[in-house]
């Protein structure tokens, strides 16, 4: 009976934003810019930055989204936090950081509002980003941007797993028959406090070498 009551409470508390874990997604700006804004002439940021913190379910990792909840309001973010987010969560495509944050909150953040309000959602995301510097982790393993060198999936995952003690997921994009490293995903339990192993449901192709440019 107690177990059933807990299950019922869980379902009622999550509503249409039901989820079981978070995907914390960091992107490599050069790949993002190459695919989405090929006309950009300036050199993109050379460090991994936040794409989003996404409430997820194992049956459909990209859901839920666009849930009911409070709309984004930049006034909920302190000037100090906004200054931090401009480093960790910049809009690498159009430099409109506030619009980027708004889009991520309204699409994903609202779905976990019962756990993290808007301020907490962005604070926790910045904390996650600050906990492990993926760019430095890879650099220390001699994995640095290179126009022709490639790596296996396992070779890139290994140093990240060693540093975090958890298994991440790598996501790639295809460009001119080359598999480009695009995102590194960390996973966190329901309250976004404890990092957990990611259940790899999709990602880079194991059989194809990965380019990091």
Protein backbone atom coordinates (compact mmCIF):
# COMPACT_ATOMS: atom_id res chain seq x y z
CA UNK A 1 0.00 0.00 0.00
CA UNK A 2 2.80 2.39 0.89
CA UNK A 3 4.53 1.65 -2.39
CA UNK A 4 1.36 2.28 -4.36
CA UNK A 5 0.76 5.55 -2.52
CA UNK A 6 4.30 6.69 -3.31
CA UNK A 7 3.84 5.78 -6.98
CA UNK A 8 0.54 7.66 -7.14
CA UNK A 9 2.06 10.70 -5.47
CA UNK A 10 4.94 10.63 -7.94
CA UNK A 11 2.63 10.55 -10.92
CA UNK A 12 0.40 13.29 -9.56
CA UNK A 13 3.34 15.52 -8.71
CA UNK A 14 4.89 15.38 -12.16
CA UNK A 15 1.79 15.87 -14.32
CA UNK A 16 2.54 16.25 -18.04
CA UNK A 17 6.16 16.92 -17.09
CA UNK A 18 6.77 13.37 -15.92
CA UNK A 19 10.45 12.44 -16.08
CA UNK A 20 12.90 10.13 -14.30
CA UNK A 21 16.33 11.69 -14.89
CA UNK A 22 18.12 14.69 -16.44
CA UNK A 23 20.34 14.89 -19.47
CA UNK A 24 22.91 17.63 -19.04
CA UNK A 25 24.04 18.40 -22.58
CA UNK A 26 27.21 20.28 -23.44
CA UNK A 27 28.07 21.21 -27.01
CA UNK A 28 31.29 21.86 -28.91
CA UNK A 29 30.70 25.32 -30.47
CA UNK A 30 32.86 24.83 -33.60
CA UNK A 31 30.69 21.88 -34.66
CA UNK A 32 27.47 23.75 -33.89
CA UNK A 33 28.61 26.76 -35.89
CA UNK A 34 29.94 24.70 -38.79
CA UNK A 35 26.60 22.96 -39.26
CA UNK A 36 24.14 25.75 -38.47
CA UNK A 37 26.01 28.94 -39.32
CA UNK A 38 28.63 28.03 -41.94
CA UNK A 39 28.91 31.66 -43.05
CA UNK A 40 30.25 32.77 -39.66
CA UNK A 41 33.81 34.00 -40.10
CA UNK A 42 34.89 34.48 -36.47
CA UNK A 43 36.58 31.67 -34.55
CA UNK A 44 33.98 29.93 -32.33
CA UNK A 45 34.58 29.35 -28.63
CA UNK A 46 37.10 26.56 -28.07
CA UNK A 47 35.53 25.05 -24.99
CA UNK A 48 32.42 22.98 -24.31
CA UNK A 49 29.40 25.09 -23.34
CA UNK A 50 25.92 24.24 -22.12
CA UNK A 51 23.24 23.30 -24.60
CA UNK A 52 20.62 22.44 -22.01
CA UNK A 53 19.42 20.55 -18.95
CA UNK A 54 16.67 18.24 -20.17
CA UNK A 55 14.22 16.25 -18.00
CA UNK A 56 14.07 12.87 -19.71
CA UNK A 57 12.61 9.38 -19.76
CA UNK A 58 14.43 6.25 -20.85
CA UNK A 59 11.65 5.29 -23.25
CA UNK A 60 11.91 8.62 -25.08
CA UNK A 61 15.04 10.57 -24.06
CA UNK A 62 13.99 13.85 -25.69
CA UNK A 63 10.66 14.08 -23.87
CA UNK A 64 8.87 15.67 -22.15
CA UNK A 65 8.98 19.18 -23.59
CA UNK A 66 6.86 22.34 -23.80
CA UNK A 67 5.09 21.50 -20.56
CA UNK A 68 2.69 23.69 -18.62
CA UNK A 69 4.43 26.05 -16.23
CA UNK A 70 5.73 29.57 -15.72
CA UNK A 71 7.21 31.34 -18.70
CA UNK A 72 10.83 32.48 -18.68
CA UNK A 73 11.48 35.78 -16.94
CA UNK A 74 15.06 37.10 -16.98
CA UNK A 75 14.30 39.05 -13.80
CA UNK A 76 14.35 35.71 -11.97
CA UNK A 77 18.07 35.44 -12.71
CA UNK A 78 20.34 37.61 -10.60
CA UNK A 79 22.91 39.80 -12.43
CA UNK A 80 25.65 37.66 -10.87
CA UNK A 81 24.12 34.45 -12.23
CA UNK A 82 23.57 35.97 -15.66
CA UNK A 83 27.24 36.93 -15.74
CA UNK A 84 28.17 33.31 -14.99
CA UNK A 85 25.78 31.97 -17.62
CA UNK A 86 27.33 34.16 -20.30
CA UNK A 87 30.46 32.03 -19.85
CA UNK A 88 28.89 28.62 -19.35
CA UNK A 89 25.70 28.93 -21.44
CA UNK A 90 26.29 31.38 -24.31
CA UNK A 91 24.29 31.45 -27.52
CA UNK A 92 27.09 30.38 -29.85
CA UNK A 93 24.94 30.78 -32.95
CA UNK A 94 23.59 34.32 -32.70
CA UNK A 95 25.02 35.74 -29.43
CA UNK A 96 21.52 36.34 -28.02
CA UNK A 97 22.13 34.63 -24.70
CA UNK A 98 18.87 35.62 -23.03
CA UNK A 99 16.81 34.32 -25.94
CA UNK A 100 18.72 31.03 -25.83
CA UNK A 101 18.05 30.64 -22.09
CA UNK A 102 14.40 31.49 -22.65
CA UNK A 103 14.04 28.83 -25.32
CA UNK A 104 15.65 26.14 -23.19
CA UNK A 105 13.57 26.98 -20.11
CA UNK A 106 10.26 27.15 -21.97
CA UNK A 107 10.92 23.90 -23.86
CA UNK A 108 12.64 21.84 -21.15
CA UNK A 109 12.96 23.64 -17.83
CA UNK A 110 9.24 24.00 -17.23
CA UNK A 111 8.93 20.21 -17.29
CA UNK A 112 10.94 19.93 -14.08
CA UNK A 113 9.66 23.10 -12.40
CA UNK A 114 8.24 21.05 -9.54
CA UNK A 115 11.86 20.11 -8.73
CA UNK A 116 13.83 23.17 -9.83
CA UNK A 117 12.36 26.65 -10.13
CA UNK A 118 13.79 28.92 -12.80
CA UNK A 119 16.61 30.31 -10.63
CA UNK A 120 17.54 26.84 -9.37
CA UNK A 121 17.42 25.37 -12.88
CA UNK A 122 20.03 27.77 -14.21
CA UNK A 123 22.12 27.77 -11.04
CA UNK A 124 22.29 23.99 -11.00
CA UNK A 125 23.18 23.89 -14.71
CA UNK A 126 26.09 26.26 -14.16
CA UNK A 127 27.25 24.16 -11.19
CA UNK A 128 27.20 21.04 -13.35
CA UNK A 129 29.24 22.80 -16.02
CA UNK A 130 31.75 24.00 -13.43
CA UNK A 131 32.16 20.58 -11.85
CA UNK A 132 34.00 19.01 -14.78
CA UNK A 133 35.83 20.87 -17.54
CA UNK A 134 35.41 18.53 -20.49
CA UNK A 135 37.80 20.53 -22.66
CA UNK A 136 40.59 20.18 -20.10
CA UNK A 137 39.81 16.52 -19.42
CA UNK A 138 40.21 15.73 -23.12
CA UNK A 139 43.28 17.95 -23.45
CA UNK A 140 44.98 16.10 -20.60
CA UNK A 141 44.36 12.88 -22.55
CA UNK A 142 45.95 14.45 -25.68
CA UNK A 143 42.55 14.77 -27.35
CA UNK A 144 42.54 18.25 -28.84
CA UNK A 145 40.96 19.77 -31.95
CA UNK A 146 42.76 18.61 -35.08
CA UNK A 147 41.81 18.93 -38.76
CA UNK A 148 42.62 15.32 -39.70
CA UNK A 149 43.21 13.16 -36.62
CA UNK A 150 40.37 10.90 -35.46
CA UNK A 151 39.55 8.91 -32.35
CA UNK A 152 37.37 5.97 -31.43
CA UNK A 153 34.26 6.41 -29.30
CA UNK A 154 35.92 4.52 -26.44
CA UNK A 155 39.06 6.65 -26.59
CA UNK A 156 37.07 9.84 -26.01
CA UNK A 157 34.74 8.39 -23.39
CA UNK A 158 37.55 6.82 -21.35
CA UNK A 159 39.18 9.98 -19.88
CA UNK A 160 35.78 11.56 -19.21
CA UNK A 161 34.60 8.45 -17.40
CA UNK A 162 37.84 8.33 -15.41
CA UNK A 163 37.39 11.93 -14.26
CA UNK A 164 33.66 11.80 -13.47
CA UNK A 165 33.40 8.14 -12.38
CA UNK A 166 30.28 7.96 -14.56
CA UNK A 167 29.58 6.96 -18.15
CA UNK A 168 28.68 9.82 -20.51
CA UNK A 169 27.15 9.70 -23.97
CA UNK A 170 28.77 11.24 -27.03
CA UNK A 171 26.67 12.66 -29.83
CA UNK A 172 27.98 13.41 -33.29
CA UNK A 173 26.93 15.14 -36.47
CA UNK A 174 27.69 13.97 -39.98
CA UNK A 175 29.42 16.51 -42.22
CA UNK A 176 30.97 15.68 -45.59
CA UNK A 177 31.19 11.96 -44.70
CA UNK A 178 32.93 12.82 -41.44
CA UNK A 179 31.53 12.11 -37.98
CA UNK A 180 32.12 15.28 -35.96
CA UNK A 181 32.01 15.29 -32.16
CA UNK A 182 29.14 17.60 -31.25
CA UNK A 183 27.87 16.97 -27.72
CA UNK A 184 28.85 15.29 -24.47
CA UNK A 185 25.94 14.25 -22.27
CA UNK A 186 26.08 13.71 -18.50
CA UNK A 187 23.12 12.18 -16.69
CA UNK A 188 21.70 13.08 -13.27
CA UNK A 189 19.04 11.51 -11.11
CA UNK A 190 15.57 12.98 -10.60
CA UNK A 191 16.61 15.80 -8.25
CA UNK A 192 19.56 16.84 -10.44
CA UNK A 193 21.98 16.35 -7.55
CA UNK A 194 23.67 13.00 -8.13
CA UNK A 195 25.39 12.14 -11.39
CA UNK A 196 24.56 8.69 -12.74
CA UNK A 197 25.67 6.53 -15.67
CA UNK A 198 23.96 7.41 -18.92
CA UNK A 199 22.01 4.66 -20.65
CA UNK A 200 23.25 4.91 -24.20
CA UNK A 201 20.21 4.89 -26.45
CA UNK A 202 21.64 7.02 -29.24
CA UNK A 203 24.91 8.72 -30.01
CA UNK A 204 27.94 8.60 -32.26
CA UNK A 205 28.38 5.51 -34.41
CA UNK A 206 30.81 3.07 -32.79
CA UNK A 207 32.02 1.74 -36.10
CA UNK A 208 33.01 5.15 -37.49
CA UNK A 209 35.97 7.22 -36.33
CA UNK A 210 35.18 10.50 -34.61
CA UNK A 211 36.70 13.80 -35.69
CA UNK A 212 37.21 16.58 -33.14
CA UNK A 213 37.82 19.84 -35.01
